[in-house]
Amino acid sequence: MAESPPFSSNSPVTATFPPDPNISQPISDDNDNSNRLQKVDSEQEEIKQTSVNALHQNSILAMHVIASGESPARTRLRMLRYLTGLPQPENKNFITSTSSYSGGPSTRD
Protein backbone atom coordinates (compact mmCIF):
# COMPACT_ATOMS: atom_id res chain seq x y z
CA MET A 1 0.00 0.00 0.00
CA ALA A 2 1.43 3.34 -1.07
CA GLU A 3 1.43 6.17 1.42
CA SER A 4 -0.08 9.46 0.39
CA PRO A 5 2.38 12.32 0.00
CA PRO A 6 2.54 14.73 2.95
CA PHE A 7 1.39 17.57 0.70
CA SER A 8 -1.22 17.29 -1.96
CA SER A 9 -1.04 19.50 -5.01
CA ASN A 10 -4.70 20.47 -4.59
CA SER A 11 -4.53 21.97 -1.10
CA PRO A 12 -2.68 25.19 -0.26
CA VAL A 13 0.29 24.83 2.04
CA THR A 14 0.49 27.18 4.98
CA ALA A 15 3.17 27.19 7.61
CA THR A 16 2.67 28.61 11.06
CA PHE A 17 5.51 29.76 13.23
CA PRO A 18 5.48 30.78 16.87
CA PRO A 19 5.68 34.54 17.46
CA ASP A 20 9.20 35.95 17.57
CA PRO A 21 9.94 37.07 21.16
CA ASN A 22 12.21 39.85 19.82
CA ILE A 23 9.34 41.53 17.96
CA SER A 24 6.59 43.20 19.93
CA GLN A 25 3.22 41.63 19.30
CA PRO A 26 -0.02 43.65 19.36
CA ILE A 27 -2.05 43.27 22.54
CA SER A 28 -5.36 43.06 20.70
CA ASP A 29 -6.57 42.67 17.15
CA ASP A 30 -7.66 46.29 17.06
CA ASN A 31 -6.03 48.03 14.08
CA ASP A 32 -5.48 51.24 16.04
CA ASN A 33 -3.44 49.46 18.72
CA SER A 34 -1.40 47.52 16.18
CA ASN A 35 -0.68 50.69 14.19
CA ARG A 36 0.54 52.44 17.35
CA LEU A 37 2.72 49.45 18.23
CA GLN A 38 4.21 49.39 14.74
CA LYS A 39 4.90 53.13 14.98
CA VAL A 40 6.70 52.68 18.32
CA ASP A 41 8.73 49.79 16.91
CA SER A 42 9.61 51.88 13.85
CA GLU A 43 10.72 54.80 16.01
CA GLN A 44 12.87 52.53 18.18
CA GLU A 45 14.46 50.96 15.12
CA GLU A 46 15.12 54.42 13.67
CA ILE A 47 16.86 55.50 16.89
CA LYS A 48 18.96 52.34 16.86
CA GLN A 49 19.91 52.85 13.21
CA THR A 50 20.85 56.47 13.90
CA SER A 51 23.01 55.28 16.79
CA VAL A 52 24.78 52.75 14.58
CA ASN A 53 25.39 55.39 11.92
CA ALA A 54 26.80 57.83 14.48
CA LEU A 55 29.10 55.20 15.94
CA HIS A 56 30.45 54.24 12.52
CA GLN A 57 30.79 57.68 10.94
CA ASN A 58 32.66 60.36 12.85
CA SER A 59 31.04 63.17 10.85
CA ILE A 60 27.57 62.09 12.01
CA LEU A 61 28.85 61.67 15.56
CA ALA A 62 30.26 65.21 15.38
CA MET A 63 26.84 66.58 14.37
CA HIS A 64 25.22 64.80 17.33
CA VAL A 65 27.93 66.16 19.65
CA ILE A 66 27.30 69.72 18.48
CA ALA A 67 23.52 69.36 18.65
CA SER A 68 23.50 67.85 22.14
CA GLY A 69 26.31 69.92 23.65
CA GLU A 70 27.95 66.78 25.02
CA SER A 71 31.48 65.51 24.78
CA PRO A 72 32.15 62.95 22.02
CA ALA A 73 32.74 60.26 24.64
CA ARG A 74 29.44 61.02 26.39
CA THR A 75 27.56 61.01 23.08
CA ARG A 76 29.17 57.71 22.08
CA LEU A 77 28.18 56.23 25.45
CA ARG A 78 24.60 57.47 24.98
CA MET A 79 24.45 55.86 21.52
CA LEU A 80 25.75 52.56 22.91
CA ARG A 81 23.08 52.69 25.61
CA TYR A 82 20.39 53.10 22.93
CA LEU A 83 21.70 50.02 21.16
CA THR A 84 21.93 47.83 24.26
CA GLY A 85 18.66 48.98 25.77
CA LEU A 86 20.24 50.28 28.98
CA PRO A 87 18.48 53.22 30.62
CA GLN A 88 19.77 56.66 29.81
CA PRO A 89 21.31 58.70 32.61
CA GLU A 90 18.98 61.29 34.12
CA ASN A 91 21.41 64.15 33.53
CA LYS A 92 21.31 64.47 29.73
CA ASN A 93 23.56 67.48 29.31
CA PHE A 94 26.73 66.43 31.08
CA ILE A 95 29.06 69.26 30.06
CA THR A 96 26.93 72.27 30.99
CA SER A 97 25.71 70.80 34.28
CA THR A 98 29.16 69.92 35.67
CA SER A 99 31.24 72.64 34.10
CA SER A 100 32.58 75.47 36.23
CA TYR A 101 32.63 77.78 33.21
CA SER A 102 30.97 81.06 34.17
CA GLY A 103 30.28 82.27 30.64
CA GLY A 104 32.59 85.28 30.66
CA PRO A 105 36.27 86.06 30.34
CA SER A 106 38.44 85.22 33.29
CA THR A 107 39.57 88.12 35.46
CA ARG A 108 43.01 86.98 36.54
CA ASP A 109 45.42 89.67 37.69
PDB file of N, CA and C in Angstrom:
ATOM      1  N   MET A   1       0.834  -1.165   0.000  1.00  0.00           N
ATOM      2  CA  MET A   1       0.000   0.000   0.000  1.00  0.00           C
ATOM      3  C   MET A   1       0.888   1.240   0.000  1.00  0.00           C
ATOM      4  N   ALA A   2       0.631   2.132  -0.937  1.00  0.00           N
ATOM      5  CA  ALA A   2       1.431   3.344  -1.072  1.00  0.00           C
ATOM      6  C   ALA A   2       0.897   4.415  -0.129  1.00  0.00           C
ATOM      7  N   GLU A   3       1.829   5.085   0.520  1.00  0.00           N
ATOM      8  CA  GLU A   3       1.432   6.166   1.425  1.00  0.00           C
ATOM      9  C   GLU A   3       1.152   7.424   0.614  1.00  0.00           C
ATOM     10  N   SER A   4       0.217   8.207   1.090  1.00  0.00           N
ATOM     11  CA  SER A   4      -0.076   9.456   0.389  1.00  0.00           C
ATOM     12  C   SER A   4       1.022  10.469   0.715  1.00  0.00           C
ATOM     13  N   PRO A   5       1.339  11.326  -0.247  1.00  0.00           N
ATOM     14  CA  PRO A   5       2.382  12.319   0.003  1.00  0.00           C
ATOM     15  C   PRO A   5       1.938  13.282   1.110  1.00  0.00           C
ATOM     16  N   PRO A   6       2.909  13.843   1.856  1.00  0.00           N
ATOM     17  CA  PRO A   6       2.537  14.731   2.952  1.00  0.00           C
ATOM     18  C   PRO A   6       1.813  15.989   2.475  1.00  0.00           C
ATOM     19  N   PHE A   7       2.058  16.396   1.247  1.00  0.00           N
ATOM     20  CA  PHE A   7       1.386  17.570   0.705  1.00  0.00           C
ATOM     21  C   PHE A   7       0.688  17.171  -0.576  1.00  0.00           C
ATOM     22  N   SER A   8      -0.531  17.576  -0.713  1.00  0.00           N
ATOM     23  CA  SER A   8      -1.219  17.293  -1.958  1.00  0.00           C
ATOM     24  C   SER A   8      -1.175  18.545  -2.818  1.00  0.00           C
ATOM     25  N   SER A   9      -1.148  18.355  -4.106  1.00  0.00           N
ATOM     26  CA  SER A   9      -1.044  19.496  -5.010  1.00  0.00           C
ATOM     27  C   SER A   9      -2.334  20.304  -5.061  1.00  0.00           C
ATOM     28  N   ASN A  10      -3.421  19.769  -4.544  1.00  0.00           N
ATOM     29  CA  ASN A  10      -4.704  20.466  -4.591  1.00  0.00           C
ATOM     30  C   ASN A  10      -4.933  21.400  -3.405  1.00  0.00           C
ATOM     31  N   SER A  11      -4.278  21.144  -2.284  1.00  0.00           N
ATOM     32  CA  SER A  11      -4.531  21.973  -1.103  1.00  0.00           C
ATOM     33  C   SER A  11      -3.398  22.974  -0.905  1.00  0.00           C
ATOM     34  N   PRO A  12      -3.735  24.195  -0.499  1.00  0.00           N
ATOM     35  CA  PRO A  12      -2.678  25.187  -0.261  1.00  0.00           C
ATOM     36  C   PRO A  12      -1.862  24.813   0.976  1.00  0.00           C
ATOM     37  N   VAL A  13      -0.600  25.134   0.932  1.00  0.00           N
ATOM     38  CA  VAL A  13       0.295  24.833   2.039  1.00  0.00           C
ATOM     39  C   VAL A  13       0.507  26.114   2.841  1.00  0.00           C
ATOM     40  N   THR A  14       0.235  26.033   4.113  1.00  0.00           N
ATOM     41  CA  THR A  14       0.494  27.177   4.982  1.00  0.00           C
ATOM     42  C   THR A  14       1.349  26.705   6.144  1.00  0.00           C
ATOM     43  N   ALA A  15       2.310  27.501   6.478  1.00  0.00           N
ATOM     44  CA  ALA A  15       3.168  27.188   7.611  1.00  0.00           C
ATOM     45  C   ALA A  15       2.884  28.190   8.718  1.00  0.00           C
ATOM     46  N   THR A  16       2.847  27.712   9.928  1.00  0.00           N
ATOM     47  CA  THR A  16       2.666  28.607  11.064  1.00  0.00           C
ATOM     48  C   THR A  16       3.902  28.527  11.940  1.00  0.00           C
ATOM     49  N   PHE A  17       4.334  29.675  12.378  1.00  0.00           N
ATOM     50  CA  PHE A  17       5.511  29.762  13.226  1.00  0.00           C
ATOM     51  C   PHE A  17       5.116  30.441  14.528  1.00  0.00           C
ATOM     52  N   PRO A  18       5.781  30.084  15.618  1.00  0.00           N
ATOM     53  CA  PRO A  18       5.475  30.782  16.871  1.00  0.00           C
ATOM     54  C   PRO A  18       5.908  32.238  16.769  1.00  0.00           C
ATOM     55  N   PRO A  19       5.298  33.129  17.525  1.00  0.00           N
ATOM     56  CA  PRO A  19       5.681  34.539  17.459  1.00  0.00           C
ATOM     57  C   PRO A  19       7.129  34.733  17.900  1.00  0.00           C
ATOM     58  N   ASP A  20       7.805  35.642  17.246  1.00  0.00           N
ATOM     59  CA  ASP A  20       9.198  35.947  17.574  1.00  0.00           C
ATOM     60  C   ASP A  20       9.217  36.772  18.852  1.00  0.00           C
ATOM     61  N   PRO A  21       9.931  36.313  19.906  1.00  0.00           N
ATOM     62  CA  PRO A  21       9.941  37.073  21.163  1.00  0.00           C
ATOM     63  C   PRO A  21      10.663  38.411  21.042  1.00  0.00           C
ATOM     64  N   ASN A  22      11.483  38.598  19.997  1.00  0.00           N
ATOM     65  CA  ASN A  22      12.210  39.854  19.824  1.00  0.00           C
ATOM     66  C   ASN A  22      11.368  40.932  19.168  1.00  0.00           C
ATOM     67  N   ILE A  23      10.217  40.570  18.626  1.00  0.00           N
ATOM     68  CA  ILE A  23       9.338  41.526  17.963  1.00  0.00           C
ATOM     69  C   ILE A  23       8.098  41.697  18.825  1.00  0.00           C
ATOM     70  N   SER A  24       7.761  42.927  19.109  1.00  0.00           N
ATOM     71  CA  SER A  24       6.586  43.200  19.926  1.00  0.00           C
ATOM     72  C   SER A  24       5.339  42.762  19.178  1.00  0.00           C
ATOM     73  N   GLN A  25       4.463  42.093  19.886  1.00  0.00           N
ATOM     74  CA  GLN A  25       3.218  41.632  19.298  1.00  0.00           C
ATOM     75  C   GLN A  25       2.089  42.536  19.780  1.00  0.00           C
ATOM     76  N   PRO A  26       1.105  42.813  18.926  1.00  0.00           N
ATOM     77  CA  PRO A  26      -0.018  43.651  19.361  1.00  0.00           C
ATOM     78  C   PRO A  26      -0.802  42.983  20.479  1.00  0.00           C
ATOM     79  N   ILE A  27      -1.305  43.793  21.409  1.00  0.00           N
ATOM     80  CA  ILE A  27      -2.054  43.267  22.542  1.00  0.00           C
ATOM     81  C   ILE A  27      -3.418  42.772  22.087  1.00  0.00           C
ATOM     82  N   SER A  28      -4.052  43.467  21.188  1.00  0.00           N
ATOM     83  CA  SER A  28      -5.361  43.057  20.696  1.00  0.00           C
ATOM     84  C   SER A  28      -5.359  43.118  19.176  1.00  0.00           C
ATOM     85  N   ASP A  29      -6.447  42.663  18.605  1.00  0.00           N
ATOM     86  CA  ASP A  29      -6.567  42.666  17.147  1.00  0.00           C
ATOM     87  C   ASP A  29      -7.032  44.015  16.615  1.00  0.00           C
ATOM     88  N   ASP A  30      -7.212  44.971  17.474  1.00  0.00           N
ATOM     89  CA  ASP A  30      -7.658  46.291  17.057  1.00  0.00           C
ATOM     90  C   ASP A  30      -6.590  46.936  16.179  1.00  0.00           C
ATOM     91  N   ASN A  31      -6.981  47.425  15.011  1.00  0.00           N
ATOM     92  CA  ASN A  31      -6.029  48.026  14.076  1.00  0.00           C
ATOM     93  C   ASN A  31      -5.346  49.252  14.663  1.00  0.00           C
ATOM     94  N   ASP A  32      -6.062  50.038  15.459  1.00  0.00           N
ATOM     95  CA  ASP A  32      -5.480  51.244  16.040  1.00  0.00           C
ATOM     96  C   ASP A  32      -4.318  50.892  16.963  1.00  0.00           C
ATOM     97  N   ASN A  33      -4.510  49.875  17.810  1.00  0.00           N
ATOM     98  CA  ASN A  33      -3.439  49.457  18.716  1.00  0.00           C
ATOM     99  C   ASN A  33      -2.258  48.891  17.952  1.00  0.00           C
ATOM    100  N   SER A  34      -2.509  48.105  16.934  1.00  0.00           N
ATOM    101  CA  SER A  34      -1.400  47.516  16.185  1.00  0.00           C
ATOM    102  C   SER A  34      -0.647  48.584  15.398  1.00  0.00           C
ATOM    103  N   ASN A  35      -1.357  49.595  14.895  1.00  0.00           N
ATOM    104  CA  ASN A  35      -0.682  50.690  14.194  1.00  0.00           C
ATOM    105  C   ASN A  35       0.207  51.479  15.146  1.00  0.00           C
ATOM    106  N   ARG A  36      -0.282  51.724  16.365  1.00  0.00           N
ATOM    107  CA  ARG A  36       0.537  52.435  17.353  1.00  0.00           C
ATOM    108  C   ARG A  36       1.765  51.620  17.715  1.00  0.00           C
ATOM    109  N   LEU A  37       1.598  50.318  17.879  1.00  0.00           N
ATOM    110  CA  LEU A  37       2.717  49.450  18.233  1.00  0.00           C
ATOM    111  C   LEU A  37       3.748  49.422  17.120  1.00  0.00           C
ATOM    112  N   GLN A  38       3.287  49.361  15.866  1.00  0.00           N
ATOM    113  CA  GLN A  38       4.214  49.385  14.741  1.00  0.00           C
ATOM    114  C   GLN A  38       4.947  50.717  14.672  1.00  0.00           C
ATOM    115  N   LYS A  39       4.263  51.812  14.999  1.00  0.00           N
ATOM    116  CA  LYS A  39       4.898  53.129  14.980  1.00  0.00           C
ATOM    117  C   LYS A  39       5.986  53.209  16.048  1.00  0.00           C
ATOM    118  N   VAL A  40       5.708  52.685  17.239  1.00  0.00           N
ATOM    119  CA  VAL A  40       6.699  52.685  18.316  1.00  0.00           C
ATOM    120  C   VAL A  40       7.892  51.830  17.917  1.00  0.00           C
ATOM    121  N   ASP A  41       7.643  50.654  17.356  1.00  0.00           N
ATOM    122  CA  ASP A  41       8.735  49.794  16.912  1.00  0.00           C
ATOM    123  C   ASP A  41       9.560  50.482  15.837  1.00  0.00           C
ATOM    124  N   SER A  42       8.898  51.172  14.920  1.00  0.00           N
ATOM    125  CA  SER A  42       9.614  51.875  13.854  1.00  0.00           C
ATOM    126  C   SER A  42      10.476  52.993  14.420  1.00  0.00           C
ATOM    127  N   GLU A  43       9.948  53.719  15.396  1.00  0.00           N
ATOM    128  CA  GLU A  43      10.721  54.801  16.009  1.00  0.00           C
ATOM    129  C   GLU A  43      11.929  54.255  16.756  1.00  0.00           C
ATOM    130  N   GLN A  44      11.747  53.138  17.460  1.00  0.00           N
ATOM    131  CA  GLN A  44      12.870  52.534  18.178  1.00  0.00           C
ATOM    132  C   GLN A  44      13.927  52.030  17.205  1.00  0.00           C
ATOM    133  N   GLU A  45      13.501  51.426  16.116  1.00  0.00           N
ATOM    134  CA  GLU A  45      14.458  50.957  15.117  1.00  0.00           C
ATOM    135  C   GLU A  45      15.192  52.124  14.471  1.00  0.00           C
ATOM    136  N   GLU A  46      14.485  53.239  14.259  1.00  0.00           N
ATOM    137  CA  GLU A  46      15.122  54.420  13.673  1.00  0.00           C
ATOM    138  C   GLU A  46      16.179  54.991  14.616  1.00  0.00           C
ATOM    139  N   ILE A  47      15.883  55.019  15.913  1.00  0.00           N
ATOM    140  CA  ILE A  47      16.861  55.499  16.895  1.00  0.00           C
ATOM    141  C   ILE A  47      18.078  54.587  16.912  1.00  0.00           C
ATOM    142  N   LYS A  48      17.841  53.286  16.868  1.00  0.00           N
ATOM    143  CA  LYS A  48      18.965  52.344  16.860  1.00  0.00           C
ATOM    144  C   LYS A  48      19.806  52.510  15.601  1.00  0.00           C
ATOM    145  N   GLN A  49      19.162  52.687  14.461  1.00  0.00           N
ATOM    146  CA  GLN A  49      19.907  52.854  13.214  1.00  0.00           C
ATOM    147  C   GLN A  49      20.704  54.152  13.232  1.00  0.00           C
ATOM    148  N   THR A  50      20.124  55.214  13.776  1.00  0.00           N
ATOM    149  CA  THR A  50      20.849  56.474  13.902  1.00  0.00           C
ATOM    150  C   THR A  50      22.057  56.305  14.811  1.00  0.00           C
ATOM    151  N   SER A  51      21.898  55.541  15.878  1.00  0.00           N
ATOM    152  CA  SER A  51      23.013  55.281  16.788  1.00  0.00           C
ATOM    153  C   SER A  51      24.130  54.526  16.093  1.00  0.00           C
ATOM    154  N   VAL A  52      23.773  53.515  15.321  1.00  0.00           N
ATOM    155  CA  VAL A  52      24.782  52.747  14.584  1.00  0.00           C
ATOM    156  C   VAL A  52      25.514  53.652  13.603  1.00  0.00           C
ATOM    157  N   ASN A  53      24.771  54.475  12.879  1.00  0.00           N
ATOM    158  CA  ASN A  53      25.395  55.391  11.915  1.00  0.00           C
ATOM    159  C   ASN A  53      26.350  56.352  12.612  1.00  0.00           C
ATOM    160  N   ALA A  54      25.943  56.879  13.757  1.00  0.00           N
ATOM    161  CA  ALA A  54      26.796  57.828  14.481  1.00  0.00           C
ATOM    162  C   ALA A  54      28.050  57.154  15.014  1.00  0.00           C
ATOM    163  N   LEU A  55      27.930  55.903  15.421  1.00  0.00           N
ATOM    164  CA  LEU A  55      29.102  55.197  15.943  1.00  0.00           C
ATOM    165  C   LEU A  55      30.078  54.818  14.839  1.00  0.00           C
ATOM    166  N   HIS A  56      29.584  54.651  13.625  1.00  0.00           N
ATOM    167  CA  HIS A  56      30.453  54.240  12.516  1.00  0.00           C
ATOM    168  C   HIS A  56      31.002  55.410  11.713  1.00  0.00           C
ATOM    169  N   GLN A  57      30.345  56.545  11.749  1.00  0.00           N
ATOM    170  CA  GLN A  57      30.789  57.685  10.943  1.00  0.00           C
ATOM    171  C   GLN A  57      31.036  58.876  11.863  1.00  0.00           C
ATOM    172  N   ASN A  58      32.289  59.268  11.945  1.00  0.00           N
ATOM    173  CA  ASN A  58      32.656  60.359  12.850  1.00  0.00           C
ATOM    174  C   ASN A  58      31.985  61.679  12.496  1.00  0.00           C
ATOM    175  N   SER A  59      31.691  61.910  11.221  1.00  0.00           N
ATOM    176  CA  SER A  59      31.038  63.166  10.845  1.00  0.00           C
ATOM    177  C   SER A  59      29.621  63.236  11.420  1.00  0.00           C
ATOM    178  N   ILE A  60      28.915  62.115  11.425  1.00  0.00           N
ATOM    179  CA  ILE A  60      27.567  62.087  12.005  1.00  0.00           C
ATOM    180  C   ILE A  60      27.658  62.216  13.521  1.00  0.00           C
ATOM    181  N   LEU A  61      28.649  61.552  14.114  1.00  0.00           N
ATOM    182  CA  LEU A  61      28.852  61.674  15.557  1.00  0.00           C
ATOM    183  C   LEU A  61      29.139  63.129  15.929  1.00  0.00           C
ATOM    184  N   ALA A  62      29.939  63.803  15.116  1.00  0.00           N
ATOM    185  CA  ALA A  62      30.263  65.211  15.385  1.00  0.00           C
ATOM    186  C   ALA A  62      29.006  66.076  15.350  1.00  0.00           C
ATOM    187  N   MET A  63      28.097  65.802  14.429  1.00  0.00           N
ATOM    188  CA  MET A  63      26.845  66.576  14.373  1.00  0.00           C
ATOM    189  C   MET A  63      26.009  66.346  15.628  1.00  0.00           C
ATOM    190  N   HIS A  64      25.959  65.096  16.103  1.00  0.00           N
ATOM    191  CA  HIS A  64      25.216  64.802  17.328  1.00  0.00           C
ATOM    192  C   HIS A  64      25.867  65.472  18.534  1.00  0.00           C
ATOM    193  N   VAL A  65      27.202  65.507  18.557  1.00  0.00           N
ATOM    194  CA  VAL A  65      27.927  66.161  19.649  1.00  0.00           C
ATOM    195  C   VAL A  65      27.582  67.643  19.690  1.00  0.00           C
ATOM    196  N   ILE A  66      27.602  68.292  18.542  1.00  0.00           N
ATOM    197  CA  ILE A  66      27.298  69.724  18.475  1.00  0.00           C
ATOM    198  C   ILE A  66      25.845  69.985  18.869  1.00  0.00           C
ATOM    199  N   ALA A  67      24.940  69.157  18.372  1.00  0.00           N
ATOM    200  CA  ALA A  67      23.516  69.365  18.650  1.00  0.00           C
ATOM    201  C   ALA A  67      23.177  69.139  20.122  1.00  0.00           C
ATOM    202  N   SER A  68      23.835  68.169  20.752  1.00  0.00           N
ATOM    203  CA  SER A  68      23.500  67.845  22.141  1.00  0.00           C
ATOM    204  C   SER A  68      24.329  68.618  23.151  1.00  0.00           C
ATOM    205  N   GLY A  69      25.453  69.198  22.722  1.00  0.00           N
ATOM    206  CA  GLY A  69      26.310  69.921  23.649  1.00  0.00           C
ATOM    207  C   GLY A  69      27.079  69.011  24.581  1.00  0.00           C
ATOM    208  N   GLU A  70      27.240  67.756  24.199  1.00  0.00           N
ATOM    209  CA  GLU A  70      27.953  66.780  25.017  1.00  0.00           C
ATOM    210  C   GLU A  70      29.365  66.584  24.482  1.00  0.00           C
ATOM    211  N   SER A  71      30.167  65.895  25.265  1.00  0.00           N
ATOM    212  CA  SER A  71      31.484  65.511  24.778  1.00  0.00           C
ATOM    213  C   SER A  71      31.308  64.333  23.820  1.00  0.00           C
ATOM    214  N   PRO A  72      32.260  64.107  22.917  1.00  0.00           N
ATOM    215  CA  PRO A  72      32.154  62.952  22.018  1.00  0.00           C
ATOM    216  C   PRO A  72      32.058  61.624  22.775  1.00  0.00           C
ATOM    217  N   ALA A  73      32.801  61.504  23.866  1.00  0.00           N
ATOM    218  CA  ALA A  73      32.745  60.261  24.641  1.00  0.00           C
ATOM    219  C   ALA A  73      31.366  60.056  25.259  1.00  0.00           C
ATOM    220  N   ARG A  74      30.763  61.125  25.779  1.00  0.00           N
ATOM    221  CA  ARG A  74      29.437  61.022  26.391  1.00  0.00           C
ATOM    222  C   ARG A  74      28.383  60.688  25.329  1.00  0.00           C
ATOM    223  N   THR A  75      28.501  61.293  24.157  1.00  0.00           N
ATOM    224  CA  THR A  75      27.556  61.006  23.077  1.00  0.00           C
ATOM    225  C   THR A  75      27.701  59.566  22.614  1.00  0.00           C
ATOM    226  N   ARG A  76      28.934  59.097  22.481  1.00  0.00           N
ATOM    227  CA  ARG A  76      29.166  57.709  22.080  1.00  0.00           C
ATOM    228  C   ARG A  76      28.575  56.749  23.118  1.00  0.00           C
ATOM    229  N   LEU A  77      28.749  57.055  24.393  1.00  0.00           N
ATOM    230  CA  LEU A  77      28.176  56.228  25.452  1.00  0.00           C
ATOM    231  C   LEU A  77      26.650  56.217  25.370  1.00  0.00           C
ATOM    232  N   ARG A  78      26.052  57.380  25.108  1.00  0.00           N
ATOM    233  CA  ARG A  78      24.596  57.466  24.977  1.00  0.00           C
ATOM    234  C   ARG A  78      24.102  56.613  23.812  1.00  0.00           C
ATOM    235  N   MET A  79      24.833  56.663  22.688  1.00  0.00           N
ATOM    236  CA  MET A  79      24.447  55.863  21.523  1.00  0.00           C
ATOM    237  C   MET A  79      24.550  54.365  21.833  1.00  0.00           C
ATOM    238  N   LEU A  80      25.598  53.968  22.537  1.00  0.00           N
ATOM    239  CA  LEU A  80      25.745  52.557  22.909  1.00  0.00           C
ATOM    240  C   LEU A  80      24.624  52.118  23.846  1.00  0.00           C
ATOM    241  N   ARG A  81      24.191  53.017  24.715  1.00  0.00           N
ATOM    242  CA  ARG A  81      23.078  52.692  25.608  1.00  0.00           C
ATOM    243  C   ARG A  81      21.782  52.500  24.823  1.00  0.00           C
ATOM    244  N   TYR A  82      21.570  53.305  23.776  1.00  0.00           N
ATOM    245  CA  TYR A  82      20.392  53.102  22.928  1.00  0.00           C
ATOM    246  C   TYR A  82      20.423  51.714  22.300  1.00  0.00           C
ATOM    247  N   LEU A  83      21.594  51.304  21.842  1.00  0.00           N
ATOM    248  CA  LEU A  83      21.704  50.017  21.158  1.00  0.00           C
ATOM    249  C   LEU A  83      21.516  48.836  22.101  1.00  0.00           C
ATOM    250  N   THR A  84      22.012  48.951  23.320  1.00  0.00           N
ATOM    251  CA  THR A  84      21.935  47.834  24.256  1.00  0.00           C
ATOM    252  C   THR A  84      20.655  47.828  25.070  1.00  0.00           C
ATOM    253  N   GLY A  85      19.912  48.930  25.026  1.00  0.00           N
ATOM    254  CA  GLY A  85      18.660  48.983  25.770  1.00  0.00           C
ATOM    255  C   GLY A  85      18.835  49.378  27.226  1.00  0.00           C
ATOM    256  N   LEU A  86      20.028  49.818  27.611  1.00  0.00           N
ATOM    257  CA  LEU A  86      20.241  50.278  28.978  1.00  0.00           C
ATOM    258  C   LEU A  86      19.557  51.626  29.172  1.00  0.00           C
ATOM    259  N   PRO A  87      19.132  51.924  30.400  1.00  0.00           N
ATOM    260  CA  PRO A  87      18.479  53.216  30.624  1.00  0.00           C
ATOM    261  C   PRO A  87      19.462  54.363  30.451  1.00  0.00           C
ATOM    262  N   GLN A  88      18.947  55.471  29.994  1.00  0.00           N
ATOM    263  CA  GLN A  88      19.770  56.660  29.805  1.00  0.00           C
ATOM    264  C   GLN A  88      19.963  57.346  31.151  1.00  0.00           C
ATOM    265  N   PRO A  89      21.121  57.970  31.359  1.00  0.00           N
ATOM    266  CA  PRO A  89      21.314  58.703  32.614  1.00  0.00           C
ATOM    267  C   PRO A  89      20.327  59.862  32.714  1.00  0.00           C
ATOM    268  N   GLU A  90      19.966  60.225  33.933  1.00  0.00           N
ATOM    269  CA  GLU A  90      18.981  61.294  34.122  1.00  0.00           C
ATOM    270  C   GLU A  90      19.518  62.646  33.697  1.00  0.00           C
ATOM    271  N   ASN A  91      20.793  62.882  33.888  1.00  0.00           N
ATOM    272  CA  ASN A  91      21.407  64.152  33.525  1.00  0.00           C
ATOM    273  C   ASN A  91      21.838  64.075  32.071  1.00  0.00           C
ATOM    274  N   LYS A  92      21.036  64.624  31.162  1.00  0.00           N
ATOM    275  CA  LYS A  92      21.307  64.474  29.735  1.00  0.00           C
ATOM    276  C   LYS A  92      22.428  65.374  29.251  1.00  0.00           C
ATOM    277  N   ASN A  93      22.552  66.555  29.794  1.00  0.00           N
ATOM    278  CA  ASN A  93      23.564  67.483  29.314  1.00  0.00           C
ATOM    279  C   ASN A  93      24.712  67.516  30.310  1.00  0.00           C
ATOM    280  N   PHE A  94      25.651  66.640  30.117  1.00  0.00           N
ATOM    281  CA  PHE A  94      26.727  66.426  31.077  1.00  0.00           C
ATOM    282  C   PHE A  94      27.668  67.618  31.167  1.00  0.00           C
ATOM    283  N   ILE A  95      28.049  68.204  30.052  1.00  0.00           N
ATOM    284  CA  ILE A  95      29.058  69.258  30.057  1.00  0.00           C
ATOM    285  C   ILE A  95      28.558  70.510  30.772  1.00  0.00           C
ATOM    286  N   THR A  96      27.391  71.002  30.426  1.00  0.00           N
ATOM    287  CA  THR A  96      26.932  72.268  30.994  1.00  0.00           C
ATOM    288  C   THR A  96      26.523  72.129  32.449  1.00  0.00           C
ATOM    289  N   SER A  97      26.157  70.937  32.898  1.00  0.00           N
ATOM    290  CA  SER A  97      25.715  70.803  34.277  1.00  0.00           C
ATOM    291  C   SER A  97      26.883  70.626  35.236  1.00  0.00           C
ATOM    292  N   THR A  98      28.036  70.148  34.770  1.00  0.00           N
ATOM    293  CA  THR A  98      29.157  69.921  35.672  1.00  0.00           C
ATOM    294  C   THR A  98      30.295  70.895  35.431  1.00  0.00           C
ATOM    295  N   SER A  99      30.168  71.726  34.438  1.00  0.00           N
ATOM    296  CA  SER A  99      31.239  72.642  34.103  1.00  0.00           C
ATOM    297  C   SER A  99      31.256  73.822  35.064  1.00  0.00           C
ATOM    298  N   SER A 100      32.466  74.300  35.367  1.00  0.00           N
ATOM    299  CA  SER A 100      32.581  75.469  36.231  1.00  0.00           C
ATOM    300  C   SER A 100      32.721  76.742  35.401  1.00  0.00           C
ATOM    301  N   TYR A 101      32.520  76.638  34.098  1.00  0.00           N
ATOM    302  CA  TYR A 101      32.631  77.782  33.211  1.00  0.00           C
ATOM    303  C   TYR A 101      31.548  78.790  33.542  1.00  0.00           C
ATOM    304  N   SER A 102      31.931  80.048  33.750  1.00  0.00           N
ATOM    305  CA  SER A 102      30.973  81.064  34.173  1.00  0.00           C
ATOM    306  C   SER A 102      30.353  81.818  33.006  1.00  0.00           C
ATOM    307  N   GLY A 103      30.874  81.624  31.790  1.00  0.00           N
ATOM    308  CA  GLY A 103      30.281  82.274  30.637  1.00  0.00           C
ATOM    309  C   GLY A 103      30.967  83.559  30.246  1.00  0.00           C
ATOM    310  N   GLY A 104      31.910  84.033  30.990  1.00  0.00           N
ATOM    311  CA  GLY A 104      32.586  85.278  30.662  1.00  0.00           C
ATOM    312  C   GLY A 104      34.091  85.110  30.699  1.00  0.00           C
ATOM    313  N   PRO A 105      34.805  86.150  30.311  1.00  0.00           N
ATOM    314  CA  PRO A 105      36.265  86.057  30.338  1.00  0.00           C
ATOM    315  C   PRO A 105      36.775  86.005  31.774  1.00  0.00           C
ATOM    316  N   SER A 106      37.877  85.323  31.940  1.00  0.00           N
ATOM    317  CA  SER A 106      38.438  85.222  33.286  1.00  0.00           C
ATOM    318  C   SER A 106      39.047  86.560  33.689  1.00  0.00           C
ATOM    319  N   THR A 107      39.050  86.843  34.962  1.00  0.00           N
ATOM    320  CA  THR A 107      39.572  88.121  35.461  1.00  0.00           C
ATOM    321  C   THR A 107      40.787  87.871  36.345  1.00  0.00           C
ATOM    322  N   ARG A 108      41.783  87.219  35.773  1.00  0.00           N
ATOM    323  CA  ARG A 108      43.006  86.980  36.538  1.00  0.00           C
ATOM    324  C   ARG A 108      43.877  88.223  36.508  1.00  0.00           C
ATOM    325  N   ASP A 109      44.488  88.529  37.624  1.00  0.00           N
ATOM    326  CA  ASP A 109      45.417  89.671  37.694  1.00  0.00           C
ATOM    327  C   ASP A 109      46.782  89.218  38.098  1.00  0.00           C
TER     328      ASP A 109
END
